[in-house]
C-alpha atoms as a PDB file:
ATOM      1  CA  MET A   1     106.748 142.623 143.304  1.00  0.00           C
ATOM      2  CA  ALA A   2     109.810 140.672 142.149  1.00  0.00           C
ATOM      3  CA  ASP A   3     110.119 139.121 145.613  1.00  0.00           C
ATOM      4  CA  ASN A   4     106.493 138.010 145.468  1.00  0.00           C
ATOM      5  CA  LEU A   5     107.065 136.390 142.066  1.00  0.00           C
ATOM      6  CA  GLU A   6     110.189 134.688 143.377  1.00  0.00           C
ATOM      7  CA  ASP A   7     108.257 133.375 146.405  1.00  0.00           C
ATOM      8  CA  ASN A   8     105.532 132.014 144.132  1.00  0.00           C
ATOM      9  CA  GLU A   9     108.117 130.234 141.970  1.00  0.00           C
ATOM     10  CA  ARG A  10     109.781 128.736 145.045  1.00  0.00           C
ATOM     11  CA  GLU A  11     106.422 127.591 146.403  1.00  0.00           C
ATOM     12  CA  LYS A  12     105.508 126.037 143.050  1.00  0.00           C
ATOM     13  CA  SER A  13     108.880 124.294 142.857  1.00  0.00           C
ATOM     14  CA  ARG A  14     108.507 123.055 146.438  1.00  0.00           C
ATOM     15  CA  TYR A  15     105.000 121.752 145.684  1.00  0.00           C
ATOM     16  CA  GLU A  16     106.181 119.933 142.538  1.00  0.00           C
ATOM     17  CA  PHE A  17     109.058 118.371 144.489  1.00  0.00           C
ATOM     18  CA  HIS A  18     106.729 117.081 147.222  1.00  0.00           C
ATOM     19  CA  LEU A  19     104.312 115.803 144.598  1.00  0.00           C
ATOM     20  CA  LYS A  20     107.103 113.784 142.950  1.00  0.00           C
ATOM     21  CA  VAL A  21     108.248 112.432 146.322  1.00  0.00           C
ATOM     22  CA  ARG A  22     104.692 111.398 147.188  1.00  0.00           C
ATOM     23  CA  GLU A  23     104.286 109.694 143.814  1.00  0.00           C
ATOM     24  CA  TYR A  24     107.534 107.774 144.349  1.00  0.00           C
ATOM     25  CA  ALA A  25     106.516 106.782 147.898  1.00  0.00           C
ATOM     26  CA  GLY A  26     103.177 105.493 146.621  1.00  0.00           C
ATOM     27  CA  ARG A  27     104.857 103.333 143.986  1.00  0.00           C
ATOM     28  CA  GLU A  28     107.314 101.984 146.550  1.00  0.00           C
ATOM     29  CA  TYR A  29     104.512 101.165 149.017  1.00  0.00           C
ATOM     30  CA  ASP A  30     102.699  99.092 146.404  1.00  0.00           C
ATOM     31  CA  ARG A  31     105.915  97.358 145.402  1.00  0.00           C
ATOM     32  CA  LEU A  32     106.838  96.561 148.996  1.00  0.00           C
ATOM     33  CA  ILE A  33     103.419  95.099 149.790  1.00  0.00           C
ATOM     34  CA  VAL A  34     103.688  92.797 146.772  1.00  0.00           C
ATOM     35  CA  ILE A  35     107.236  91.759 147.673  1.00  0.00           C
ATOM     36  CA  LEU A  36     106.452  91.176 151.349  1.00  0.00           C
ATOM     37  CA  SER A  37     103.175  89.320 150.756  1.00  0.00           C
ATOM     38  CA  GLY A  38     104.594  87.186 147.974  1.00  0.00           C
ATOM     39  CA  GLY A  39     107.767  86.503 149.923  1.00  0.00           C
ATOM     40  CA  ALA A  40     105.884  85.562 153.073  1.00  0.00           C
ATOM     41  CA  LEU A  41     103.612  83.276 151.071  1.00  0.00           C
ATOM     42  CA  THR A  42     106.590  81.568 149.419  1.00  0.00           C
ATOM     43  CA  LEU A  43     108.469  81.308 152.703  1.00  0.00           C
ATOM     44  CA  SER A  44     105.507  79.794 154.518  1.00  0.00           C
ATOM     45  CA  ILE A  45     105.026  77.177 151.806  1.00  0.00           C
ATOM     46  CA  GLY A  46     108.729  76.335 152.010  1.00  0.00           C
ATOM     47  CA  PHE A  47     108.572  76.016 155.788  1.00  0.00           C
ATOM     48  CA  LEU A  48     105.669  73.600 155.512  1.00  0.00           C
ATOM     49  CA  GLU A  49     108.021  70.927 154.153  1.00  0.00           C
ATOM     50  CA  HIS A  50     109.781  70.891 157.527  1.00  0.00           C
ATOM     51  CA  PHE A  51     106.537  69.986 159.310  1.00  0.00           C
ATOM     52  CA  LYS A  52     105.165  67.233 157.047  1.00  0.00           C
ATOM     53  CA  ASP A  53     105.002  64.660 159.812  1.00  0.00           C
ATOM     54  CA  GLY A  54     104.664  66.942 162.786  1.00  0.00           C
ATOM     55  CA  ILE A  55     101.888  69.407 161.975  1.00  0.00           C
ATOM     56  CA  ASN A  56      99.406  69.676 164.777  1.00  0.00           C
ATOM     57  CA  THR A  57      96.010  69.096 163.135  1.00  0.00           C
ATOM     58  CA  CYS A  58      94.470  71.729 165.401  1.00  0.00           C
ATOM     59  CA  THR A  59      96.714  74.390 163.845  1.00  0.00           C
ATOM     60  CA  LYS A  60      96.020  73.728 160.159  1.00  0.00           C
ATOM     61  CA  TRP A  61      93.535  76.595 160.210  1.00  0.00           C
ATOM     62  CA  LEU A  62      96.417  78.926 161.088  1.00  0.00           C
ATOM     63  CA  ILE A  63      98.415  78.124 157.970  1.00  0.00           C
ATOM     64  CA  ILE A  64      95.301  78.191 155.791  1.00  0.00           C
ATOM     65  CA  GLY A  65      94.350  81.549 157.321  1.00  0.00           C
ATOM     66  CA  SER A  66      97.878  82.818 156.799  1.00  0.00           C
ATOM     67  CA  TRP A  67      97.926  81.829 153.137  1.00  0.00           C
ATOM     68  CA  SER A  68      94.451  83.233 152.572  1.00  0.00           C
ATOM     69  CA  SER A  69      95.409  86.543 154.191  1.00  0.00           C
ATOM     70  CA  LEU A  70      98.621  86.848 152.191  1.00  0.00           C
ATOM     71  CA  PHE A  71      96.756  86.026 148.988  1.00  0.00           C
ATOM     72  CA  LEU A  72      94.081  88.638 149.807  1.00  0.00           C
ATOM     73  CA  SER A  73      96.848  91.153 150.460  1.00  0.00           C
ATOM     74  CA  LEU A  74      98.258  90.537 146.986  1.00  0.00           C
ATOM     75  CA  ILE A  75      94.838  90.716 145.329  1.00  0.00           C
ATOM     76  CA  SER A  76      93.975  93.940 147.191  1.00  0.00           C
ATOM     77  CA  ILE A  77      97.147  95.707 146.110  1.00  0.00           C
ATOM     78  CA  LEU A  78      96.714  94.561 142.501  1.00  0.00           C
ATOM     79  CA  ILE A  79      93.131  95.843 142.412  1.00  0.00           C
ATOM     80  CA  SER A  80      94.324  99.111 143.972  1.00  0.00           C
ATOM     81  CA  GLN A  81      96.681  99.500 141.010  1.00  0.00           C
ATOM     82  CA  LEU A  82      93.693  99.279 138.675  1.00  0.00           C
ATOM     83  CA  THR A  83      91.612 101.756 140.684  1.00  0.00           C
ATOM     84  CA  SER A  84      94.588 104.117 140.783  1.00  0.00           C
ATOM     85  CA  LEU A  85      94.841 104.001 136.992  1.00  0.00           C
ATOM     86  CA  LYS A  86      91.096 104.587 136.705  1.00  0.00           C
ATOM     87  CA  SER A  87      91.425 107.578 139.033  1.00  0.00           C
ATOM     88  CA  ILE A  88      94.183 109.073 136.895  1.00  0.00           C
ATOM     89  CA  ASP A  89      92.198 108.438 133.689  1.00  0.00           C
ATOM     90  CA  ALA A  90      89.136 110.136 135.171  1.00  0.00           C
ATOM     91  CA  GLU A  91      91.272 113.077 136.293  1.00  0.00           C
ATOM     92  CA  LEU A  92      92.705 113.443 132.790  1.00  0.00           C
ATOM     93  CA  GLU A  93      89.158 113.437 131.411  1.00  0.00           C
ATOM     94  CA  GLU A  94      88.327 116.156 133.964  1.00  0.00           C
ATOM     95  CA  LYS A  95      85.833 113.928 135.781  1.00  0.00           C
ATOM     96  CA  GLU A  96      86.866 114.990 139.266  1.00  0.00           C
ATOM     97  CA  MET A  97      84.003 113.288 141.116  1.00  0.00           C
ATOM     98  CA  LEU A  98      84.718 109.917 139.475  1.00  0.00           C
ATOM     99  CA  SER A  99      88.439 110.385 140.076  1.00  0.00           C
ATOM    100  CA  ASN A 100      87.783 110.996 143.781  1.00  0.00           C
ATOM    101  CA  ILE A 101      85.667 107.829 144.020  1.00  0.00           C
ATOM    102  CA  TYR A 102      88.429 105.710 142.469  1.00  0.00           C
ATOM    103  CA  ASN A 103      91.011 107.440 144.638  1.00  0.00           C
ATOM    104  CA  ASN A 104      89.005 106.569 147.777  1.00  0.00           C
ATOM    105  CA  PHE A 105      88.802 102.931 146.651  1.00  0.00           C
ATOM    106  CA  THR A 106      92.564 102.931 146.083  1.00  0.00           C
ATOM    107  CA  THR A 107      93.252 104.269 149.575  1.00  0.00           C
ATOM    108  CA  LYS A 108      90.933 101.712 151.185  1.00  0.00           C
ATOM    109  CA  LEU A 109      92.439  98.854 149.201  1.00  0.00           C
ATOM    110  CA  ASN A 110      95.955  99.911 150.266  1.00  0.00           C
ATOM    111  CA  VAL A 111      94.896  99.812 153.929  1.00  0.00           C
ATOM    112  CA  ILE A 112      93.184  96.450 153.402  1.00  0.00           C
ATOM    113  CA  SER A 113      96.301  94.996 151.765  1.00  0.00           C
ATOM    114  CA  LEU A 114      98.454  96.120 154.695  1.00  0.00           C
ATOM    115  CA  PHE A 115      95.954  94.648 157.165  1.00  0.00           C
ATOM    116  CA  PHE A 116      95.952  91.264 155.401  1.00  0.00           C
ATOM    117  CA  LEU A 117      99.753  91.272 155.170  1.00  0.00           C
ATOM    118  CA  ILE A 118     100.084  91.832 158.926  1.00  0.00           C
ATOM    119  CA  LEU A 119      97.372  89.260 159.692  1.00  0.00           C
ATOM    120  CA  GLY A 120      98.977  86.669 157.408  1.00  0.00           C
ATOM    121  CA  VAL A 121     102.411  87.108 158.971  1.00  0.00           C
ATOM    122  CA  MET A 122     100.978  86.966 162.495  1.00  0.00           C
ATOM    123  CA  LEU A 123      99.043  83.773 161.764  1.00  0.00           C
ATOM    124  CA  PHE A 124     102.158  82.221 160.259  1.00  0.00           C
ATOM    125  CA  ILE A 125     104.240  83.125 163.322  1.00  0.00           C
ATOM    126  CA  VAL A 126     101.626  81.581 165.618  1.00  0.00           C
ATOM    127  CA  PHE A 127     101.511  78.466 163.409  1.00  0.00           C
ATOM    128  CA  ILE A 128     105.304  78.091 163.565  1.00  0.00           C
ATOM    129  CA  SER A 129     105.445  78.634 167.332  1.00  0.00           C
ATOM    130  CA  TRP A 130     102.722  76.058 167.995  1.00  0.00           C
ATOM    131  CA  ASN A 131     104.371  73.445 165.787  1.00  0.00           C
ATOM    132  CA  LEU A 132     107.992  73.731 166.890  1.00  0.00           C
END
């Protein structure tokens, strides 16, 4: 019986540890998306000064698409922060169904923000390569 109690305590401790690690990883993911999107947006604007006279007019859509994608990435991750808070609030109020809905929105917004980050960086790379 004592062994069973000890096993339960270890399992609970293990679960709590993994929960804390997951919480930390989630915070870091959001932070990294903001840093990478914002940094890429700033970098691309800075690079534009080097092409003032030599931008191929056919490639302007690439830089506009890049900026739009990076901006959408930032907006998506910021909205996901709000939906995450709403999910936690609903969970605290014991509204599990509402919490799950907000949690699903948060997950989708995180994927969307990553997609727009990758798209924005790819468009910027193509823009740079076509204008060198």
